[in-house]
Structure formats: C-alpha cells, structure tokens
N, C-alpha and C. Protein backbone atom coordinates (compact mmCIF):
# COMPACT_ATOMS: atom_id res chain seq x y z
N MET A 1 14.46 -2.04 13.48
CA MET A 1 13.49 -1.79 12.45
C MET A 1 13.15 -3.12 11.77
N SER A 2 11.89 -3.29 11.42
CA SER A 2 11.44 -4.50 10.74
C SER A 2 12.01 -4.56 9.34
N LYS A 3 12.18 -5.78 8.86
CA LYS A 3 12.73 -5.99 7.54
C LYS A 3 11.65 -5.75 6.47
N PHE A 4 12.04 -5.10 5.38
CA PHE A 4 11.11 -4.82 4.29
C PHE A 4 10.80 -6.13 3.56
N PRO A 5 9.52 -6.41 3.25
CA PRO A 5 9.18 -7.68 2.61
C PRO A 5 9.76 -7.79 1.20
N VAL A 6 10.28 -8.96 0.86
CA VAL A 6 10.88 -9.18 -0.46
C VAL A 6 9.80 -9.49 -1.49
N ASP A 7 9.01 -10.51 -1.24
CA ASP A 7 7.87 -10.85 -2.11
C ASP A 7 6.62 -10.80 -1.25
N ALA A 8 6.04 -9.60 -1.15
CA ALA A 8 4.90 -9.38 -0.26
C ALA A 8 3.61 -9.89 -0.89
N PRO A 9 2.87 -10.75 -0.20
CA PRO A 9 1.57 -11.18 -0.72
C PRO A 9 0.63 -9.98 -0.85
N ILE A 10 -0.06 -9.87 -1.98
CA ILE A 10 -0.89 -8.70 -2.27
C ILE A 10 -1.97 -8.50 -1.21
N ARG A 11 -2.54 -9.58 -0.69
CA ARG A 11 -3.60 -9.45 0.32
C ARG A 11 -3.06 -8.82 1.61
N ASN A 12 -1.83 -9.15 1.97
CA ASN A 12 -1.22 -8.55 3.16
C ASN A 12 -0.95 -7.06 2.94
N VAL A 13 -0.53 -6.71 1.72
CA VAL A 13 -0.26 -5.31 1.38
C VAL A 13 -1.57 -4.52 1.45
N ILE A 14 -2.64 -5.06 0.86
CA ILE A 14 -3.93 -4.37 0.88
C ILE A 14 -4.41 -4.18 2.31
N ALA A 15 -4.29 -5.22 3.15
CA ALA A 15 -4.71 -5.13 4.55
C ALA A 15 -3.92 -4.04 5.29
N ALA A 16 -2.62 -3.96 5.04
CA ALA A 16 -1.80 -2.94 5.69
C ALA A 16 -2.21 -1.55 5.23
N LEU A 17 -2.46 -1.39 3.94
CA LEU A 17 -2.87 -0.08 3.42
C LEU A 17 -4.24 0.32 3.96
N GLU A 18 -5.13 -0.64 4.14
CA GLU A 18 -6.44 -0.34 4.73
C GLU A 18 -6.27 0.13 6.18
N ARG A 19 -5.31 -0.43 6.91
CA ARG A 19 -5.03 0.03 8.27
C ARG A 19 -4.49 1.45 8.28
N LEU A 20 -3.89 1.87 7.15
CA LEU A 20 -3.37 3.24 7.03
C LEU A 20 -4.42 4.20 6.48
N GLY A 21 -5.65 3.75 6.31
CA GLY A 21 -6.73 4.64 5.91
C GLY A 21 -7.15 4.56 4.46
N PHE A 22 -6.53 3.69 3.68
CA PHE A 22 -6.92 3.54 2.28
C PHE A 22 -8.11 2.59 2.17
N ARG A 23 -8.92 2.80 1.14
CA ARG A 23 -10.02 1.87 0.87
C ARG A 23 -9.92 1.41 -0.57
N LEU A 24 -10.35 0.20 -0.80
CA LEU A 24 -10.31 -0.39 -2.13
C LEU A 24 -11.40 0.25 -2.98
N VAL A 25 -11.00 0.77 -4.15
CA VAL A 25 -11.94 1.43 -5.05
C VAL A 25 -12.28 0.53 -6.23
N ARG A 26 -11.25 -0.11 -6.79
CA ARG A 26 -11.44 -0.92 -8.00
C ARG A 26 -10.38 -2.01 -8.04
N GLU A 27 -10.77 -3.17 -8.57
CA GLU A 27 -9.84 -4.27 -8.68
C GLU A 27 -10.01 -4.93 -10.05
N GLY A 28 -8.96 -4.92 -10.84
CA GLY A 28 -8.94 -5.55 -12.16
C GLY A 28 -7.52 -6.00 -12.41
N SER A 29 -6.93 -5.59 -13.54
CA SER A 29 -5.53 -5.89 -13.77
C SER A 29 -4.65 -5.07 -12.83
N HIS A 30 -5.19 -3.95 -12.34
CA HIS A 30 -4.54 -3.13 -11.32
C HIS A 30 -5.53 -2.92 -10.18
N ILE A 31 -5.00 -2.62 -9.02
CA ILE A 31 -5.82 -2.34 -7.85
C ILE A 31 -5.73 -0.85 -7.57
N ALA A 32 -6.89 -0.21 -7.46
CA ALA A 32 -6.95 1.22 -7.15
C ALA A 32 -7.46 1.38 -5.74
N MET A 33 -6.74 2.19 -4.96
CA MET A 33 -7.15 2.49 -3.59
C MET A 33 -7.15 4.01 -3.42
N LEU A 34 -7.87 4.48 -2.42
CA LEU A 34 -8.00 5.92 -2.20
C LEU A 34 -8.05 6.19 -0.70
N ARG A 35 -7.40 7.28 -0.29
CA ARG A 35 -7.47 7.70 1.11
C ARG A 35 -7.99 9.13 1.16
N GLU A 36 -9.02 9.33 1.96
CA GLU A 36 -9.56 10.67 2.20
C GLU A 36 -8.76 11.28 3.35
N ASN A 37 -8.07 12.38 3.10
CA ASN A 37 -7.24 13.01 4.13
C ASN A 37 -8.06 13.98 4.97
N SER A 38 -7.57 14.31 6.15
CA SER A 38 -8.30 15.18 7.07
C SER A 38 -8.46 16.61 6.51
N ASP A 39 -7.58 17.03 5.62
CA ASP A 39 -7.68 18.38 5.04
C ASP A 39 -8.61 18.43 3.82
N GLY A 40 -9.28 17.32 3.52
CA GLY A 40 -10.21 17.28 2.40
C GLY A 40 -9.61 16.79 1.10
N SER A 41 -8.29 16.63 1.07
CA SER A 41 -7.65 16.13 -0.14
C SER A 41 -7.75 14.61 -0.20
N ARG A 42 -7.41 14.06 -1.34
CA ARG A 42 -7.44 12.62 -1.53
C ARG A 42 -6.07 12.14 -1.99
N THR A 43 -5.69 10.97 -1.53
CA THR A 43 -4.44 10.35 -1.97
C THR A 43 -4.78 9.07 -2.72
N PRO A 44 -4.56 9.08 -4.05
CA PRO A 44 -4.82 7.86 -4.82
C PRO A 44 -3.62 6.93 -4.80
N LEU A 45 -3.86 5.66 -5.01
CA LEU A 45 -2.79 4.67 -5.03
C LEU A 45 -3.20 3.59 -6.03
N THR A 46 -2.30 3.27 -6.94
CA THR A 46 -2.55 2.22 -7.93
C THR A 46 -1.38 1.25 -7.90
N MET A 47 -1.71 -0.05 -7.90
CA MET A 47 -0.65 -1.07 -7.91
C MET A 47 -1.09 -2.24 -8.77
N PRO A 48 -0.13 -2.97 -9.32
CA PRO A 48 -0.48 -4.13 -10.16
C PRO A 48 -1.15 -5.21 -9.32
N ASN A 49 -2.07 -5.92 -9.92
CA ASN A 49 -2.78 -6.98 -9.23
C ASN A 49 -2.08 -8.31 -9.50
N HIS A 50 -0.93 -8.49 -8.82
CA HIS A 50 -0.17 -9.73 -8.89
C HIS A 50 -0.31 -10.45 -7.56
N ARG A 51 -0.01 -11.74 -7.53
CA ARG A 51 -0.09 -12.49 -6.27
C ARG A 51 0.86 -11.93 -5.23
N THR A 52 2.06 -11.55 -5.67
CA THR A 52 3.04 -10.95 -4.76
C THR A 52 3.62 -9.70 -5.42
N LEU A 53 4.12 -8.79 -4.59
CA LEU A 53 4.76 -7.58 -5.08
C LEU A 53 6.24 -7.63 -4.68
N LYS A 54 7.11 -7.36 -5.66
CA LYS A 54 8.53 -7.28 -5.36
C LYS A 54 8.79 -6.07 -4.47
N SER A 55 9.86 -6.12 -3.72
CA SER A 55 10.16 -5.02 -2.79
C SER A 55 10.37 -3.70 -3.53
N SER A 56 10.97 -3.73 -4.70
CA SER A 56 11.20 -2.48 -5.44
C SER A 56 9.88 -1.87 -5.89
N THR A 57 8.94 -2.71 -6.30
CA THR A 57 7.62 -2.22 -6.71
C THR A 57 6.88 -1.64 -5.51
N LEU A 58 6.94 -2.32 -4.39
CA LEU A 58 6.27 -1.86 -3.18
C LEU A 58 6.86 -0.53 -2.70
N ARG A 59 8.17 -0.40 -2.74
CA ARG A 59 8.82 0.86 -2.33
C ARG A 59 8.35 2.01 -3.21
N THR A 60 8.26 1.77 -4.52
CA THR A 60 7.81 2.81 -5.45
C THR A 60 6.37 3.22 -5.16
N ILE A 61 5.52 2.25 -4.90
CA ILE A 61 4.11 2.52 -4.58
C ILE A 61 4.02 3.39 -3.32
N LEU A 62 4.77 3.03 -2.29
CA LEU A 62 4.75 3.78 -1.03
C LEU A 62 5.27 5.20 -1.23
N THR A 63 6.32 5.36 -2.02
CA THR A 63 6.87 6.68 -2.29
C THR A 63 5.86 7.56 -3.01
N GLN A 64 5.23 7.02 -4.05
CA GLN A 64 4.27 7.80 -4.83
C GLN A 64 3.04 8.17 -4.01
N ALA A 65 2.67 7.33 -3.04
CA ALA A 65 1.50 7.61 -2.21
C ALA A 65 1.87 8.45 -0.98
N GLY A 66 3.16 8.72 -0.77
CA GLY A 66 3.60 9.52 0.36
C GLY A 66 3.50 8.80 1.69
N ILE A 67 3.69 7.48 1.68
CA ILE A 67 3.62 6.68 2.91
C ILE A 67 5.04 6.40 3.38
N PRO A 68 5.40 6.87 4.59
CA PRO A 68 6.74 6.57 5.11
C PRO A 68 6.92 5.06 5.31
N ARG A 69 8.12 4.60 5.02
CA ARG A 69 8.46 3.17 5.13
C ARG A 69 8.15 2.62 6.52
N ASP A 70 8.53 3.35 7.57
CA ASP A 70 8.31 2.88 8.93
C ASP A 70 6.82 2.76 9.27
N ASP A 71 6.01 3.69 8.75
CA ASP A 71 4.56 3.62 8.99
C ASP A 71 3.99 2.35 8.36
N PHE A 72 4.41 2.06 7.12
CA PHE A 72 3.92 0.87 6.44
C PHE A 72 4.37 -0.40 7.17
N LEU A 73 5.66 -0.47 7.51
CA LEU A 73 6.17 -1.67 8.17
C LEU A 73 5.51 -1.89 9.53
N GLY A 74 5.16 -0.80 10.21
CA GLY A 74 4.50 -0.93 11.51
C GLY A 74 3.15 -1.63 11.41
N VAL A 75 2.38 -1.35 10.36
CA VAL A 75 1.08 -2.00 10.21
C VAL A 75 1.18 -3.30 9.45
N TYR A 76 2.21 -3.46 8.61
CA TYR A 76 2.38 -4.70 7.84
C TYR A 76 2.79 -5.85 8.75
N HIS A 77 3.75 -5.58 9.63
CA HIS A 77 4.25 -6.61 10.54
C HIS A 77 3.48 -6.62 11.86
N GLY A 78 2.76 -5.54 12.13
CA GLY A 78 2.11 -5.36 13.42
C GLY A 78 0.93 -6.19 13.62
C-alpha cells in the first residue's frame, strides 16, 4: 500500500479529488468542492486553503467526504 502523504501540497490534493469526480466550486480561505453522484445525490467537501495539508487534516477530509483511503492514494500517487 502507498504511504499516506505527511504534508500534501494542496494542488496535488485538488488534482486527486478531481480524478475522483469532484469539481472545484469556490476558492477563498477555504476550498469548496462538490461531486455529483450517480444516484442524484451530491457529496460536498470543504478544506482549508493552505499550501500543504497535514496528514491528520487530510484523513478527516476524506472521512467526512466518504472517500476510502486506498481510493484516494491510488489517484494521488497514480
């Protein structure tokens, strides 16, 4: 299994989330992203707009958005 990023650059995180179907909605002090699901529901995601994200912050974001760790790591490192 790939190693979870310690200080992940925000641009790499956004690119990985876009590969998972999220799109950028708003960018200010926080970044808002949204994914339209196949069942018609939406999955919102909000994260701080810092240069890097600590691993604990990134894990919390993934948990709240319902993204499995392995799915994220597959597109982040892939």
